[in-house]
Amino acid sequence: MKRRERTRQLIELGGLVAKAGLIELTDDDRAVILGILVDAAATLRSEDRDKALLLWWRRGKRAFEALAPEREPRA
């Protein structure tokens, strides 16, 4: 992956952390945010992987749909 592509990917992933509300909910505590992500990664390594992926996918899809009006151009 090229440097520019990697930078864009990291910015987009940071945006997802912000959209999920994790910055405000943790008072921008990066250790807590990393802990949440480490916990999610552990779940993805477990027997519950498929169940968790489906649940998180559904929640993420609904969250994106809820944010869709924000993304529409304003008249």
N, C-alpha and C. Protein backbone atom coordinates (compact mmCIF):
# COMPACT_ATOMS: atom_id res chain seq x y z
N MET A 1 0.84 -1.17 0.00
CA MET A 1 0.00 0.00 0.00
C MET A 1 0.89 1.24 0.00
N LYS A 2 0.56 2.16 -0.84
CA LYS A 2 1.35 3.38 -0.94
C LYS A 2 1.10 4.27 0.26
N ARG A 3 2.04 5.15 0.50
CA ARG A 3 1.97 6.03 1.67
C ARG A 3 0.70 6.89 1.69
N ARG A 4 0.36 7.46 0.55
CA ARG A 4 -0.83 8.32 0.47
C ARG A 4 -2.10 7.51 0.75
N GLU A 5 -2.18 6.30 0.21
CA GLU A 5 -3.34 5.44 0.44
C GLU A 5 -3.44 5.06 1.92
N ARG A 6 -2.30 4.76 2.52
CA ARG A 6 -2.27 4.39 3.94
C ARG A 6 -2.70 5.58 4.80
N THR A 7 -2.24 6.76 4.48
CA THR A 7 -2.64 7.96 5.23
C THR A 7 -4.14 8.17 5.14
N ARG A 8 -4.69 8.03 3.96
CA ARG A 8 -6.14 8.19 3.77
C ARG A 8 -6.91 7.15 4.58
N GLN A 9 -6.42 5.91 4.55
CA GLN A 9 -7.06 4.84 5.31
C GLN A 9 -7.07 5.17 6.81
N LEU A 10 -5.95 5.63 7.33
CA LEU A 10 -5.87 5.95 8.75
C LEU A 10 -6.80 7.11 9.11
N ILE A 11 -6.88 8.10 8.26
CA ILE A 11 -7.78 9.23 8.50
C ILE A 11 -9.24 8.75 8.51
N GLU A 12 -9.59 7.91 7.56
CA GLU A 12 -10.96 7.39 7.49
C GLU A 12 -11.29 6.56 8.72
N LEU A 13 -10.35 5.73 9.17
CA LEU A 13 -10.58 4.91 10.36
C LEU A 13 -10.72 5.78 11.60
N GLY A 14 -9.93 6.84 11.69
CA GLY A 14 -10.08 7.78 12.79
C GLY A 14 -11.44 8.45 12.76
N GLY A 15 -11.94 8.73 11.57
CA GLY A 15 -13.27 9.30 11.42
C GLY A 15 -14.35 8.36 11.94
N LEU A 16 -14.16 7.06 11.74
CA LEU A 16 -15.13 6.09 12.25
C LEU A 16 -15.13 6.08 13.77
N VAL A 17 -13.97 6.20 14.39
CA VAL A 17 -13.88 6.29 15.85
C VAL A 17 -14.66 7.51 16.32
N ALA A 18 -14.51 8.62 15.63
CA ALA A 18 -15.23 9.84 15.99
C ALA A 18 -16.74 9.67 15.78
N LYS A 19 -17.15 9.11 14.63
CA LYS A 19 -18.58 8.93 14.34
C LYS A 19 -19.25 8.02 15.35
N ALA A 20 -18.51 7.05 15.87
CA ALA A 20 -19.06 6.14 16.87
C ALA A 20 -19.23 6.82 18.22
N GLY A 21 -18.66 8.00 18.37
CA GLY A 21 -18.78 8.73 19.63
C GLY A 21 -17.76 8.35 20.67
N LEU A 22 -16.77 7.55 20.27
CA LEU A 22 -15.80 7.05 21.24
C LEU A 22 -14.91 8.14 21.83
N ILE A 23 -14.66 9.18 21.08
CA ILE A 23 -13.80 10.25 21.59
C ILE A 23 -14.48 10.94 22.77
N GLU A 24 -15.72 11.34 22.58
CA GLU A 24 -16.45 12.01 23.64
C GLU A 24 -16.75 11.07 24.81
N LEU A 25 -17.18 9.85 24.49
CA LEU A 25 -17.57 8.90 25.53
C LEU A 25 -16.41 8.48 26.43
N THR A 26 -15.19 8.58 25.92
CA THR A 26 -14.01 8.18 26.71
C THR A 26 -13.20 9.39 27.17
N ASP A 27 -13.72 10.59 26.94
CA ASP A 27 -12.98 11.82 27.23
C ASP A 27 -11.62 11.81 26.53
N ASP A 28 -11.62 11.30 25.30
CA ASP A 28 -10.42 11.23 24.46
C ASP A 28 -9.27 10.47 25.13
N ASP A 29 -9.63 9.45 25.90
CA ASP A 29 -8.62 8.61 26.57
C ASP A 29 -8.20 7.53 25.59
N ARG A 30 -7.03 7.69 25.03
CA ARG A 30 -6.58 6.78 23.97
C ARG A 30 -6.32 5.37 24.47
N ALA A 31 -5.95 5.22 25.74
CA ALA A 31 -5.77 3.88 26.29
C ALA A 31 -7.11 3.14 26.34
N VAL A 32 -8.17 3.85 26.69
CA VAL A 32 -9.49 3.23 26.73
C VAL A 32 -9.93 2.86 25.31
N ILE A 33 -9.75 3.77 24.37
CA ILE A 33 -10.13 3.50 22.98
C ILE A 33 -9.36 2.29 22.44
N LEU A 34 -8.07 2.24 22.71
CA LEU A 34 -7.29 1.08 22.27
C LEU A 34 -7.78 -0.19 22.96
N GLY A 35 -8.12 -0.09 24.23
CA GLY A 35 -8.66 -1.25 24.95
C GLY A 35 -9.93 -1.77 24.32
N ILE A 36 -10.81 -0.86 23.91
CA ILE A 36 -12.05 -1.25 23.23
C ILE A 36 -11.72 -2.00 21.94
N LEU A 37 -10.78 -1.48 21.18
CA LEU A 37 -10.40 -2.10 19.91
C LEU A 37 -9.72 -3.45 20.13
N VAL A 38 -8.89 -3.55 21.16
CA VAL A 38 -8.23 -4.82 21.49
C VAL A 38 -9.29 -5.86 21.89
N ASP A 39 -10.29 -5.42 22.64
CA ASP A 39 -11.37 -6.32 23.03
C ASP A 39 -12.15 -6.80 21.81
N ALA A 40 -12.43 -5.89 20.88
CA ALA A 40 -13.12 -6.28 19.65
C ALA A 40 -12.28 -7.28 18.85
N ALA A 41 -10.97 -7.04 18.78
CA ALA A 41 -10.08 -7.96 18.06
C ALA A 41 -10.08 -9.34 18.71
N ALA A 42 -10.13 -9.38 20.04
CA ALA A 42 -10.18 -10.67 20.75
C ALA A 42 -11.47 -11.41 20.41
N THR A 43 -12.57 -10.67 20.32
CA THR A 43 -13.84 -11.28 19.94
C THR A 43 -13.75 -11.86 18.53
N LEU A 44 -13.07 -11.15 17.64
CA LEU A 44 -12.93 -11.63 16.26
C LEU A 44 -12.04 -12.87 16.16
N ARG A 45 -11.23 -13.10 17.18
CA ARG A 45 -10.40 -14.31 17.21
C ARG A 45 -11.11 -15.48 17.90
N SER A 46 -12.29 -15.24 18.44
CA SER A 46 -13.00 -16.25 19.22
C SER A 46 -14.00 -17.02 18.38
N GLU A 47 -14.68 -17.94 19.03
CA GLU A 47 -15.72 -18.73 18.37
C GLU A 47 -16.91 -17.86 17.99
N ASP A 48 -17.04 -16.70 18.63
CA ASP A 48 -18.17 -15.81 18.37
C ASP A 48 -17.94 -14.88 17.19
N ARG A 49 -16.89 -15.10 16.44
CA ARG A 49 -16.52 -14.21 15.34
C ARG A 49 -17.67 -13.92 14.39
N ASP A 50 -18.28 -14.95 13.84
CA ASP A 50 -19.33 -14.76 12.83
C ASP A 50 -20.53 -14.02 13.40
N LYS A 51 -20.92 -14.39 14.61
CA LYS A 51 -22.05 -13.73 15.27
C LYS A 51 -21.74 -12.25 15.52
N ALA A 52 -20.54 -11.96 16.00
CA ALA A 52 -20.13 -10.58 16.28
C ALA A 52 -20.06 -9.77 14.99
N LEU A 53 -19.48 -10.34 13.93
CA LEU A 53 -19.39 -9.63 12.65
C LEU A 53 -20.77 -9.25 12.13
N LEU A 54 -21.71 -10.18 12.20
CA LEU A 54 -23.06 -9.91 11.71
C LEU A 54 -23.72 -8.82 12.55
N LEU A 55 -23.60 -8.91 13.87
CA LEU A 55 -24.18 -7.91 14.75
C LEU A 55 -23.57 -6.53 14.50
N TRP A 56 -22.25 -6.48 14.43
CA TRP A 56 -21.57 -5.19 14.23
C TRP A 56 -21.85 -4.63 12.84
N TRP A 57 -21.95 -5.50 11.85
CA TRP A 57 -22.26 -5.05 10.50
C TRP A 57 -23.65 -4.40 10.47
N ARG A 58 -24.63 -5.04 11.10
CA ARG A 58 -25.98 -4.48 11.14
C ARG A 58 -25.99 -3.13 11.86
N ARG A 59 -25.32 -3.06 12.99
CA ARG A 59 -25.27 -1.79 13.73
C ARG A 59 -24.57 -0.70 12.92
N GLY A 60 -23.49 -1.06 12.27
CA GLY A 60 -22.76 -0.10 11.46
C GLY A 60 -23.57 0.39 10.28
N LYS A 61 -24.29 -0.52 9.64
CA LYS A 61 -25.14 -0.15 8.51
C LYS A 61 -26.21 0.83 8.95
N ARG A 62 -26.85 0.54 10.09
CA ARG A 62 -27.87 1.46 10.62
C ARG A 62 -27.26 2.81 10.98
N ALA A 63 -26.06 2.80 11.53
CA ALA A 63 -25.41 4.06 11.90
C ALA A 63 -25.09 4.89 10.66
N PHE A 64 -24.57 4.25 9.62
CA PHE A 64 -24.31 4.98 8.37
C PHE A 64 -25.60 5.54 7.79
N GLU A 65 -26.68 4.77 7.84
CA GLU A 65 -27.96 5.24 7.32
C GLU A 65 -28.47 6.43 8.13
N ALA A 66 -28.27 6.40 9.43
CA ALA A 66 -28.69 7.51 10.29
C ALA A 66 -27.88 8.77 9.99
N LEU A 67 -26.64 8.59 9.58
CA LEU A 67 -25.76 9.72 9.26
C LEU A 67 -25.97 10.23 7.84
N ALA A 68 -26.64 9.47 7.00
CA ALA A 68 -26.80 9.82 5.59
C ALA A 68 -27.36 11.23 5.37
N PRO A 69 -28.37 11.67 6.14
CA PRO A 69 -28.86 13.04 5.92
C PRO A 69 -27.78 14.10 6.11
N GLU A 70 -26.81 13.85 6.97
CA GLU A 70 -25.71 14.78 7.19
C GLU A 70 -24.84 14.90 5.96
N ARG A 71 -24.76 13.85 5.17
CA ARG A 71 -23.88 13.83 4.02
C ARG A 71 -24.51 14.41 2.77
N GLU A 72 -25.84 14.60 2.77
CA GLU A 72 -26.49 15.14 1.59
C GLU A 72 -26.17 16.62 1.45
N PRO A 73 -25.97 17.08 0.22
CA PRO A 73 -25.68 18.51 0.02
C PRO A 73 -26.85 19.37 0.48
N ARG A 74 -26.51 20.51 1.03
CA ARG A 74 -27.55 21.44 1.50
C ARG A 74 -27.95 22.39 0.38
N ALA A 75 -29.21 22.68 0.34
CA ALA A 75 -29.72 23.58 -0.72
C ALA A 75 -29.50 25.03 -0.38
